[in-house]
Amino acid sequence: MRMKHPTTMKALASGAGVTALFGTYRRWHLRWGATGEEVLRIMPGDEIIEHPTFDATRAVTVAARPEDVWPWIVQIGFGRAGWYSYDLLDNLGRGSAEAIIPKLQHIRVGDVVPIGPGGQGQFITSFEPNHWVVWSDRKRATWTWGIYPSETGGTRLVTRVRIRYDWTSPTILFSLLLVEPWDFPMMRKCLLGIKRRAEALARSRRAADREHRT
């Protein structure tokens, strides 16, 4: 049997190591912040995409009521309130909103949530105020936001992205080059951005309530 060249062996070992590292990282970030119960929980919109290639459930605890979280999600989107993430990358440098925008608080099924310039985005498929909203591209992807009150009076904000890749479509390059490496850091920043804003809103409301009672 002919032995492989040492350089080839090193390359194969290196490739296997990178693959293993990526696999470990992917398993971790696809459920960042979420409990085992939250990962397994059926959420609205799950039925739209069967056998997703990309199935990410992330979560964060927010020290605020669901009513303080919902308005930030409702107004999200490019050219709207932004994404509360890396504005230079996902909002062309325009800062995401730091306040509730009343004119953006009314949504309807069929409305488009712009992902980027040009008006392209996902459609609002269904929602229940202060509980959940489902976005979908009507083809191969859904994005669900779940707002679950906690026993401590706060909120568990859970987001789930499900994508079924079309390996024969040119869009597969978008999925592999943009979704896979960049979805997690952007989503983590977005969740933490909503958390910070909702908690600030809750504090201001509590302060206003105290002032009103005195």
Protein backbone atom coordinates (compact mmCIF):
# COMPACT_ATOMS: atom_id res chain seq x y z
CA MET A 1 0.00 0.00 0.00
CA ARG A 2 1.31 3.40 -0.96
CA MET A 3 1.75 5.73 2.01
CA LYS A 4 0.35 9.26 1.83
CA HIS A 5 2.84 12.12 1.78
CA PRO A 6 3.36 13.71 5.25
CA THR A 7 2.11 17.05 3.94
CA THR A 8 -1.09 15.40 2.75
CA MET A 9 -1.53 13.72 6.10
CA LYS A 10 -1.12 17.04 7.91
CA ALA A 11 -3.61 18.70 5.60
CA LEU A 12 -6.16 15.95 6.20
CA ALA A 13 -5.66 16.13 9.96
CA SER A 14 -5.97 19.89 9.90
CA GLY A 15 -9.13 19.71 7.83
CA ALA A 16 -10.65 17.15 10.18
CA GLY A 17 -9.78 19.36 13.14
CA VAL A 18 -11.40 22.42 11.59
CA THR A 19 -14.50 20.40 10.72
CA ALA A 20 -14.79 19.07 14.27
CA LEU A 21 -14.29 22.55 15.73
CA PHE A 22 -16.93 24.04 13.43
CA GLY A 23 -19.34 21.26 14.32
CA THR A 24 -18.87 21.88 18.04
CA TYR A 25 -19.25 25.65 17.61
CA ARG A 26 -22.34 25.20 15.44
CA ARG A 27 -24.06 22.94 17.98
CA TRP A 28 -23.33 25.51 20.70
CA HIS A 29 -24.47 28.62 18.89
CA LEU A 30 -27.62 27.02 17.46
CA ARG A 31 -28.99 26.91 21.02
CA TRP A 32 -27.19 29.84 22.65
CA GLY A 33 -28.91 30.89 25.88
CA ALA A 34 -31.76 28.42 25.44
CA THR A 35 -32.68 25.66 27.85
CA GLY A 36 -33.24 22.10 26.69
CA GLU A 37 -36.98 22.61 27.19
CA GLU A 38 -36.95 25.74 25.02
CA VAL A 39 -35.05 23.99 22.26
CA LEU A 40 -37.61 21.16 22.20
CA ARG A 41 -40.67 23.37 22.63
CA ILE A 42 -42.94 23.63 19.61
CA MET A 43 -43.21 27.26 18.58
CA PRO A 44 -45.60 28.98 16.17
CA GLY A 45 -44.34 28.67 12.60
CA ASP A 46 -42.49 25.39 13.12
CA GLU A 47 -44.96 23.65 10.82
CA ILE A 48 -44.03 25.87 7.86
CA ILE A 49 -40.52 24.48 7.34
CA GLU A 50 -40.20 20.72 7.60
CA HIS A 51 -36.77 19.15 8.07
CA PRO A 52 -34.79 22.43 8.25
CA THR A 53 -31.08 22.42 7.47
CA PHE A 54 -30.51 25.35 9.81
CA ASP A 55 -32.53 25.24 13.04
CA ALA A 56 -31.45 27.78 15.66
CA THR A 57 -33.18 28.50 18.97
CA ARG A 58 -31.62 31.28 21.04
CA ALA A 59 -32.91 32.92 24.21
CA VAL A 60 -32.25 35.61 26.79
CA THR A 61 -33.81 36.56 30.12
CA VAL A 62 -35.25 40.07 30.24
CA ALA A 63 -36.03 41.79 33.53
CA ALA A 64 -39.20 43.31 32.13
CA ARG A 65 -42.77 42.36 31.36
CA PRO A 66 -43.73 40.95 27.96
CA GLU A 67 -45.52 44.26 27.32
CA ASP A 68 -42.16 46.00 27.59
CA VAL A 69 -40.51 43.59 25.15
CA TRP A 70 -43.14 43.38 22.42
CA PRO A 71 -42.90 47.00 21.13
CA TRP A 72 -39.19 46.62 20.31
CA ILE A 73 -39.85 43.53 18.19
CA VAL A 74 -42.84 45.06 16.41
CA GLN A 75 -40.82 47.99 15.07
CA ILE A 76 -37.73 46.03 14.05
CA GLY A 77 -36.42 46.09 10.48
CA PHE A 78 -34.12 47.89 8.06
CA GLY A 79 -35.23 51.48 7.53
CA ARG A 80 -37.52 51.12 10.54
CA ALA A 81 -36.13 50.86 14.07
CA GLY A 82 -33.10 48.90 12.90
CA TRP A 83 -31.94 45.55 14.23
CA TYR A 84 -30.44 46.58 17.60
CA SER A 85 -27.28 44.84 16.43
CA TYR A 86 -24.19 45.98 14.50
CA ASP A 87 -25.69 49.02 12.80
CA LEU A 88 -22.72 49.56 10.53
CA LEU A 89 -23.29 46.13 9.01
CA ASP A 90 -27.05 45.63 9.04
CA ASN A 91 -28.45 49.18 9.00
CA LEU A 92 -25.96 51.05 6.78
CA GLY A 93 -24.55 52.87 9.80
CA ARG A 94 -27.88 54.31 10.94
CA GLY A 95 -28.29 53.82 14.67
CA SER A 96 -31.05 51.52 15.86
CA ALA A 97 -33.89 53.19 17.74
CA GLU A 98 -33.53 53.80 21.45
CA ALA A 99 -37.21 54.63 21.91
CA ILE A 100 -40.59 53.20 20.96
CA ILE A 101 -41.81 54.61 17.64
CA PRO A 102 -45.63 54.88 17.79
CA LYS A 103 -46.17 54.86 14.03
CA LEU A 104 -44.38 51.50 13.76
CA GLN A 105 -46.44 49.77 16.44
CA HIS A 106 -49.27 48.61 14.21
CA ILE A 107 -48.60 45.43 12.23
CA ARG A 108 -50.78 43.23 10.04
CA VAL A 109 -50.42 39.77 8.55
CA GLY A 110 -48.77 40.20 5.15
CA ASP A 111 -46.67 43.22 6.12
CA VAL A 112 -43.03 43.05 5.04
CA VAL A 113 -40.22 43.27 7.58
CA PRO A 114 -37.36 44.73 5.48
CA ILE A 115 -34.11 42.82 5.89
CA GLY A 116 -31.99 45.27 3.89
CA PRO A 117 -32.07 47.96 1.19
CA GLY A 118 -34.56 47.54 -1.63
CA GLY A 119 -37.53 46.52 0.48
CA GLN A 120 -36.81 42.80 0.35
CA GLY A 121 -37.56 40.93 3.54
CA GLN A 122 -39.83 38.52 5.32
CA PHE A 123 -43.59 38.60 5.62
CA ILE A 124 -45.48 38.68 8.88
CA THR A 125 -47.24 35.33 8.77
CA SER A 126 -49.04 35.35 12.10
CA PHE A 127 -48.82 36.96 15.52
CA GLU A 128 -50.39 37.35 18.93
CA PRO A 129 -49.50 40.66 20.60
CA ASN A 130 -47.18 40.35 23.60
CA HIS A 131 -46.81 36.61 22.94
CA TRP A 132 -45.29 35.80 19.54
CA VAL A 133 -44.82 36.79 15.92
CA VAL A 134 -43.79 34.65 12.94
CA TRP A 135 -41.98 35.97 9.89
CA SER A 136 -41.53 33.90 6.73
CA ASP A 137 -40.12 34.32 3.24
CA ARG A 138 -42.95 32.04 2.05
CA LYS A 139 -40.37 29.66 0.64
CA ARG A 140 -37.67 28.14 2.80
CA ALA A 141 -37.22 30.21 5.95
CA THR A 142 -39.08 31.27 9.08
CA TRP A 143 -38.14 33.50 11.97
CA THR A 144 -40.22 33.27 15.14
CA TRP A 145 -40.09 35.50 18.20
CA GLY A 146 -41.58 34.01 21.36
CA ILE A 147 -42.21 36.09 24.50
CA TYR A 148 -42.76 33.94 27.59
CA PRO A 149 -43.49 35.43 31.04
CA SER A 150 -41.27 34.01 33.76
CA GLU A 151 -42.19 33.11 37.33
CA THR A 152 -40.12 36.03 38.62
CA GLY A 153 -42.15 38.61 36.73
CA GLY A 154 -39.69 38.94 33.90
CA THR A 155 -39.62 37.49 30.39
CA ARG A 156 -37.85 34.79 28.44
CA LEU A 157 -37.32 36.09 24.92
CA VAL A 158 -36.84 33.14 22.56
CA THR A 159 -36.06 33.42 18.88
CA ARG A 160 -36.06 30.56 16.39
CA VAL A 161 -34.75 30.63 12.82
CA ARG A 162 -35.48 27.66 10.57
CA ILE A 163 -34.08 27.41 7.04
CA ARG A 164 -34.21 24.61 4.52
CA TYR A 165 -31.28 25.02 2.16
CA ASP A 166 -31.77 24.53 -1.56
CA TRP A 167 -28.46 23.02 -2.55
CA THR A 168 -29.18 23.51 -6.27
CA SER A 169 -29.94 27.23 -6.02
CA PRO A 170 -27.41 30.09 -6.28
CA THR A 171 -28.81 31.28 -2.93
CA ILE A 172 -26.92 28.45 -1.27
CA LEU A 173 -23.84 30.69 -1.40
CA PHE A 174 -25.71 33.29 0.67
CA SER A 175 -26.61 30.64 3.22
CA LEU A 176 -23.13 29.17 3.51
CA LEU A 177 -21.15 32.42 3.36
CA LEU A 178 -23.46 34.74 5.30
CA VAL A 179 -26.05 32.86 7.34
CA GLU A 180 -23.79 30.18 8.78
CA PRO A 181 -20.94 32.42 10.05
CA TRP A 182 -22.79 35.68 10.71
CA ASP A 183 -26.27 34.76 11.95
CA PHE A 184 -25.16 34.02 15.50
CA PRO A 185 -23.11 37.14 16.34
CA MET A 186 -25.79 39.38 14.80
CA MET A 187 -28.61 37.51 16.57
CA ARG A 188 -26.84 37.54 19.93
CA LYS A 189 -26.26 41.29 19.65
CA CYS A 190 -29.89 41.80 18.63
CA LEU A 191 -31.24 39.83 21.60
CA LEU A 192 -29.01 41.70 24.02
CA GLY A 193 -30.01 44.98 22.39
CA ILE A 194 -33.70 44.22 22.92
CA LYS A 195 -32.98 43.14 26.49
CA ARG A 196 -31.22 46.42 27.30
CA ARG A 197 -33.94 48.56 25.76
CA ALA A 198 -36.83 46.64 27.31
CA GLU A 199 -35.27 46.75 30.76
CA ALA A 200 -34.69 50.50 30.43
CA LEU A 201 -38.33 50.94 29.40
CA ALA A 202 -39.46 48.89 32.39
CA ARG A 203 -37.38 50.99 34.77
CA SER A 204 -38.81 54.21 33.40
CA ARG A 205 -42.35 52.90 33.74
CA ARG A 206 -41.76 51.81 37.32
CA ALA A 207 -40.30 55.22 38.13
CA ALA A 208 -43.32 56.92 36.56
CA ASP A 209 -45.66 54.71 38.57
CA ARG A 210 -43.88 55.59 41.82
CA GLU A 211 -44.00 59.29 41.00
CA HIS A 212 -47.70 59.02 40.18
CA ARG A 213 -48.45 57.36 43.55
CA THR A 214 -46.61 60.02 45.58
